[in-house]
Amino acid sequence: MLDDSNKAKLLNLARKTLEDHFIRGSIPDFQTDCTELLERKGAFVTLHMGGELRGCIGQLDPDRELFKVVQHCALSAALSDPRFPPLQQKELDGLDIEISILTPFQRVESIEEINVGSHGLYIVQGYFRGLLLPQVATQYRWDRITFLDQACFKAGLKESAWKDPKTIIYIFEAEVFSDPKGSA
C-alpha cells in the first residue's frame, strides 16, 4: 500500500508527464529514493473526461520502476488507446487521472474464489487475453458471471469461454486512487 504522499507523487507525475509531452515535447525527469516507487509493479492509468472514459492503458509485466510504468501508461492512455483519438493539449484542464497499482496475479481454480468488487480478472486462452480492473465490475454493477463473461468478451472470446478448461482465470487486486481535475 502506498501512503498518501506517494499516491500524490504518482498522480502529479502522471499529469506532469502529459503536460510536458504537449508543452515541451519531452517527459519530466523524476528522481526518487522512495522504495515503493522504485518497485517493479504492474499498473494502469485511466483517463476520464466529463465522467466518460477517455483512455486506459496498463502494463502487466513491469520491466521498469513503478514511477516509470506510470509515466509510460499515462502517455499511452493519452495517445495510444485504440478506442479513442489521441488526447489533445486543450483537453488537459478537464482531465481526471486514475491510477491502479496491481498485485501479482493468482490463478483461480474455482470461480467461487472471485470476489466481485475486490478482484480484477485476467483471462487467458492461447493468444487471447483480456483484463478488467476490479472497479469495472463495481461501476457497472456486474455479478460474478457477468464479470467473467465480459472479461472473455474483452479477450476476444465467446462470453462463456471462462467455462472452457483451456481458459485460465487469474485474479488480482488493485490499489486505486485518483486526481479529479488535478486536485491532488
Protein backbone atom coordinates (compact mmCIF):
# COMPACT_ATOMS: atom_id res chain seq x y z
CA MET A 1 0.00 0.00 0.00
CA LEU A 2 1.22 3.44 -0.91
CA ASP A 3 0.88 6.27 1.55
CA ASP A 4 -0.99 9.44 0.55
CA SER A 5 2.26 11.25 -0.20
CA ASN A 6 3.39 8.64 -2.72
CA LYS A 7 -0.06 8.48 -4.30
CA ALA A 8 0.06 12.25 -4.76
CA LYS A 9 3.56 11.99 -6.24
CA LEU A 10 2.41 9.44 -8.82
CA LEU A 11 -0.73 11.39 -9.72
CA ASN A 12 1.26 14.60 -10.10
CA LEU A 13 3.89 12.75 -12.13
CA ALA A 14 1.23 11.35 -14.49
CA ARG A 15 -0.26 14.81 -15.03
CA LYS A 16 3.15 16.48 -15.41
CA THR A 17 4.19 13.78 -17.89
CA LEU A 18 1.20 14.63 -20.08
CA GLU A 19 1.72 18.39 -19.72
CA ASP A 20 5.42 18.19 -20.53
CA HIS A 21 4.70 15.99 -23.53
CA PHE A 22 2.41 18.63 -25.02
CA ILE A 23 4.32 21.74 -23.91
CA ARG A 24 7.95 20.65 -24.21
CA GLY A 25 7.79 17.52 -26.32
CA SER A 26 9.51 15.53 -23.56
CA ILE A 27 8.70 13.79 -20.32
CA PRO A 28 9.84 15.02 -16.91
CA ASP A 29 12.94 13.59 -15.32
CA PHE A 30 11.79 12.24 -11.97
CA GLN A 31 14.22 11.20 -9.26
CA THR A 32 13.29 9.39 -6.09
CA ASP A 33 14.84 7.20 -3.44
CA CYS A 34 11.41 6.04 -2.24
CA THR A 35 11.44 2.24 -2.17
CA GLU A 36 7.74 1.92 -3.01
CA LEU A 37 8.07 4.00 -6.19
CA LEU A 38 11.17 2.07 -7.26
CA GLU A 39 9.48 -1.37 -7.01
CA ARG A 40 8.56 -3.17 -10.20
CA LYS A 41 4.78 -3.46 -10.23
CA GLY A 42 2.08 -3.56 -12.85
CA ALA A 43 -0.14 -0.51 -13.15
CA PHE A 44 -2.88 1.07 -15.22
CA VAL A 45 -3.57 4.73 -15.88
CA THR A 46 -7.17 5.58 -16.70
CA LEU A 47 -8.18 8.96 -18.09
CA HIS A 48 -11.69 10.38 -17.81
CA MET A 49 -13.15 13.49 -19.38
CA GLY A 50 -16.51 14.71 -18.09
CA GLY A 51 -17.07 11.39 -16.35
CA GLU A 52 -16.52 9.42 -19.57
CA LEU A 53 -13.61 7.11 -20.30
CA ARG A 54 -11.01 8.88 -22.46
CA GLY A 55 -8.21 6.30 -22.35
CA CYS A 56 -6.88 3.41 -20.30
CA ILE A 57 -3.62 1.56 -20.76
CA GLY A 58 -1.69 -0.65 -18.39
CA GLN A 59 1.43 -2.67 -18.08
CA LEU A 60 1.05 -6.11 -16.53
CA ASP A 61 4.67 -7.25 -16.54
CA PRO A 62 6.69 -4.29 -15.34
CA ASP A 63 10.13 -4.03 -16.87
CA ARG A 64 10.93 -0.82 -15.01
CA GLU A 65 10.26 1.02 -11.77
CA LEU A 66 6.68 1.84 -10.77
CA PHE A 67 7.06 5.57 -11.39
CA LYS A 68 8.33 4.87 -14.93
CA VAL A 69 5.45 2.44 -15.53
CA VAL A 70 3.02 5.21 -14.52
CA GLN A 71 4.69 7.70 -16.88
CA HIS A 72 4.60 5.20 -19.75
CA CYS A 73 0.97 4.25 -19.11
CA ALA A 74 -0.15 7.88 -18.79
CA LEU A 75 1.31 8.71 -22.20
CA SER A 76 -0.03 5.51 -23.73
CA ALA A 77 -3.53 6.07 -22.33
CA ALA A 78 -3.50 9.62 -23.73
CA LEU A 79 -2.01 8.88 -27.13
CA SER A 80 -2.28 5.17 -27.96
CA ASP A 81 -5.57 3.73 -26.70
CA PRO A 82 -7.02 2.40 -29.98
CA ARG A 83 -10.57 3.12 -28.82
CA PHE A 84 -10.03 6.88 -28.81
CA PRO A 85 -8.35 9.58 -30.88
CA PRO A 86 -5.14 10.89 -29.31
CA LEU A 87 -5.65 13.36 -26.47
CA GLN A 88 -5.12 17.00 -27.37
CA GLN A 89 -3.42 19.61 -25.20
CA LYS A 90 -6.66 21.58 -24.81
CA GLU A 91 -8.21 18.58 -23.01
CA LEU A 92 -5.65 18.54 -20.17
CA ASP A 93 -7.52 21.01 -17.93
CA GLY A 94 -10.63 18.84 -17.66
CA LEU A 95 -8.82 15.52 -17.43
CA ASP A 96 -9.34 13.21 -14.45
CA ILE A 97 -6.50 10.76 -13.82
CA GLU A 98 -6.89 7.42 -12.03
CA ILE A 99 -4.02 5.07 -11.23
CA SER A 100 -4.42 1.39 -10.38
CA ILE A 101 -1.41 -0.40 -8.89
CA LEU A 102 -1.76 -4.16 -9.37
CA THR A 103 -0.98 -7.00 -7.02
CA PRO A 104 0.55 -10.18 -8.50
CA PHE A 105 -1.86 -12.45 -10.38
CA GLN A 106 -3.22 -15.58 -8.69
CA ARG A 107 -4.63 -18.45 -10.71
CA VAL A 108 -8.22 -19.36 -9.88
CA GLU A 109 -9.25 -22.99 -9.51
CA SER A 110 -12.91 -22.19 -8.80
CA ILE A 111 -14.90 -19.13 -9.79
CA GLU A 112 -16.11 -19.03 -6.18
CA GLU A 113 -12.69 -17.53 -5.37
CA ILE A 114 -13.61 -14.38 -7.30
CA ASN A 115 -14.75 -11.56 -5.05
CA VAL A 116 -16.51 -9.01 -7.26
CA GLY A 117 -15.57 -5.52 -6.17
CA SER A 118 -12.23 -6.63 -4.74
CA HIS A 119 -10.75 -8.68 -7.55
CA GLY A 120 -9.90 -7.85 -11.12
CA LEU A 121 -9.87 -10.57 -13.77
CA TYR A 122 -7.27 -11.59 -16.28
CA ILE A 123 -8.48 -14.22 -18.76
CA VAL A 124 -6.02 -16.18 -20.91
CA GLN A 125 -6.74 -18.73 -23.62
CA GLY A 126 -3.92 -19.29 -26.07
CA TYR A 127 -3.11 -15.94 -27.65
CA PHE A 128 -6.35 -14.38 -26.42
CA ARG A 129 -6.09 -12.20 -23.33
CA GLY A 130 -8.45 -9.84 -21.56
CA LEU A 131 -8.16 -7.87 -18.34
CA LEU A 132 -10.77 -5.98 -16.39
CA LEU A 133 -9.84 -3.90 -13.35
CA PRO A 134 -11.76 -4.50 -10.10
CA GLN A 135 -13.53 -1.14 -10.27
CA VAL A 136 -15.13 -2.00 -13.65
CA ALA A 137 -17.41 -4.65 -12.15
CA THR A 138 -18.43 -2.26 -9.38
CA GLN A 139 -19.05 0.60 -11.80
CA TYR A 140 -21.39 -1.49 -13.95
CA ARG A 141 -22.86 -3.45 -11.01
CA TRP A 142 -21.93 -6.78 -12.54
CA ASP A 143 -22.31 -10.08 -10.76
CA ARG A 144 -19.56 -12.72 -10.93
CA ILE A 145 -20.87 -14.41 -14.09
CA THR A 146 -21.32 -11.15 -15.97
CA PHE A 147 -17.82 -10.08 -14.91
CA LEU A 148 -16.39 -13.35 -16.26
CA ASP A 149 -18.40 -13.07 -19.48
CA GLN A 150 -17.23 -9.50 -20.04
CA ALA A 151 -13.57 -10.39 -19.38
CA CYS A 152 -13.87 -13.15 -22.01
CA PHE A 153 -15.52 -10.74 -24.43
CA LYS A 154 -12.69 -8.26 -23.90
CA ALA A 155 -10.22 -11.07 -24.66
CA GLY A 156 -11.95 -11.64 -28.00
CA LEU A 157 -13.50 -14.91 -26.86
CA LYS A 158 -17.10 -16.10 -26.58
CA GLU A 159 -18.59 -14.73 -23.37
CA SER A 160 -18.91 -18.21 -21.88
CA ALA A 161 -15.27 -19.13 -22.69
CA TRP A 162 -14.40 -18.99 -19.00
CA LYS A 163 -16.11 -22.40 -18.69
CA ASP A 164 -13.66 -23.94 -21.19
CA PRO A 165 -10.90 -25.95 -19.43
CA LYS A 166 -8.35 -24.32 -21.78
CA THR A 167 -9.18 -20.90 -20.32
CA ILE A 168 -7.01 -19.76 -17.45
CA ILE A 169 -8.54 -17.30 -15.00
CA TYR A 170 -6.39 -15.08 -12.80
CA ILE A 171 -7.49 -12.70 -10.08
CA PHE A 172 -5.65 -9.72 -8.70
CA GLU A 173 -6.34 -6.70 -6.55
CA ALA A 174 -5.60 -3.08 -7.31
CA GLU A 175 -4.84 -0.07 -5.18
CA VAL A 176 -6.86 2.61 -6.96
CA PHE A 177 -6.52 6.34 -6.43
CA SER A 178 -7.42 9.37 -8.50
CA ASP A 179 -6.81 13.01 -9.16
CA PRO A 180 -10.03 14.58 -10.40
CA LYS A 181 -9.10 17.61 -12.50
CA GLY A 182 -5.70 17.94 -10.83
CA SER A 183 -6.90 18.24 -7.24
CA ALA A 184 -4.15 16.05 -5.75
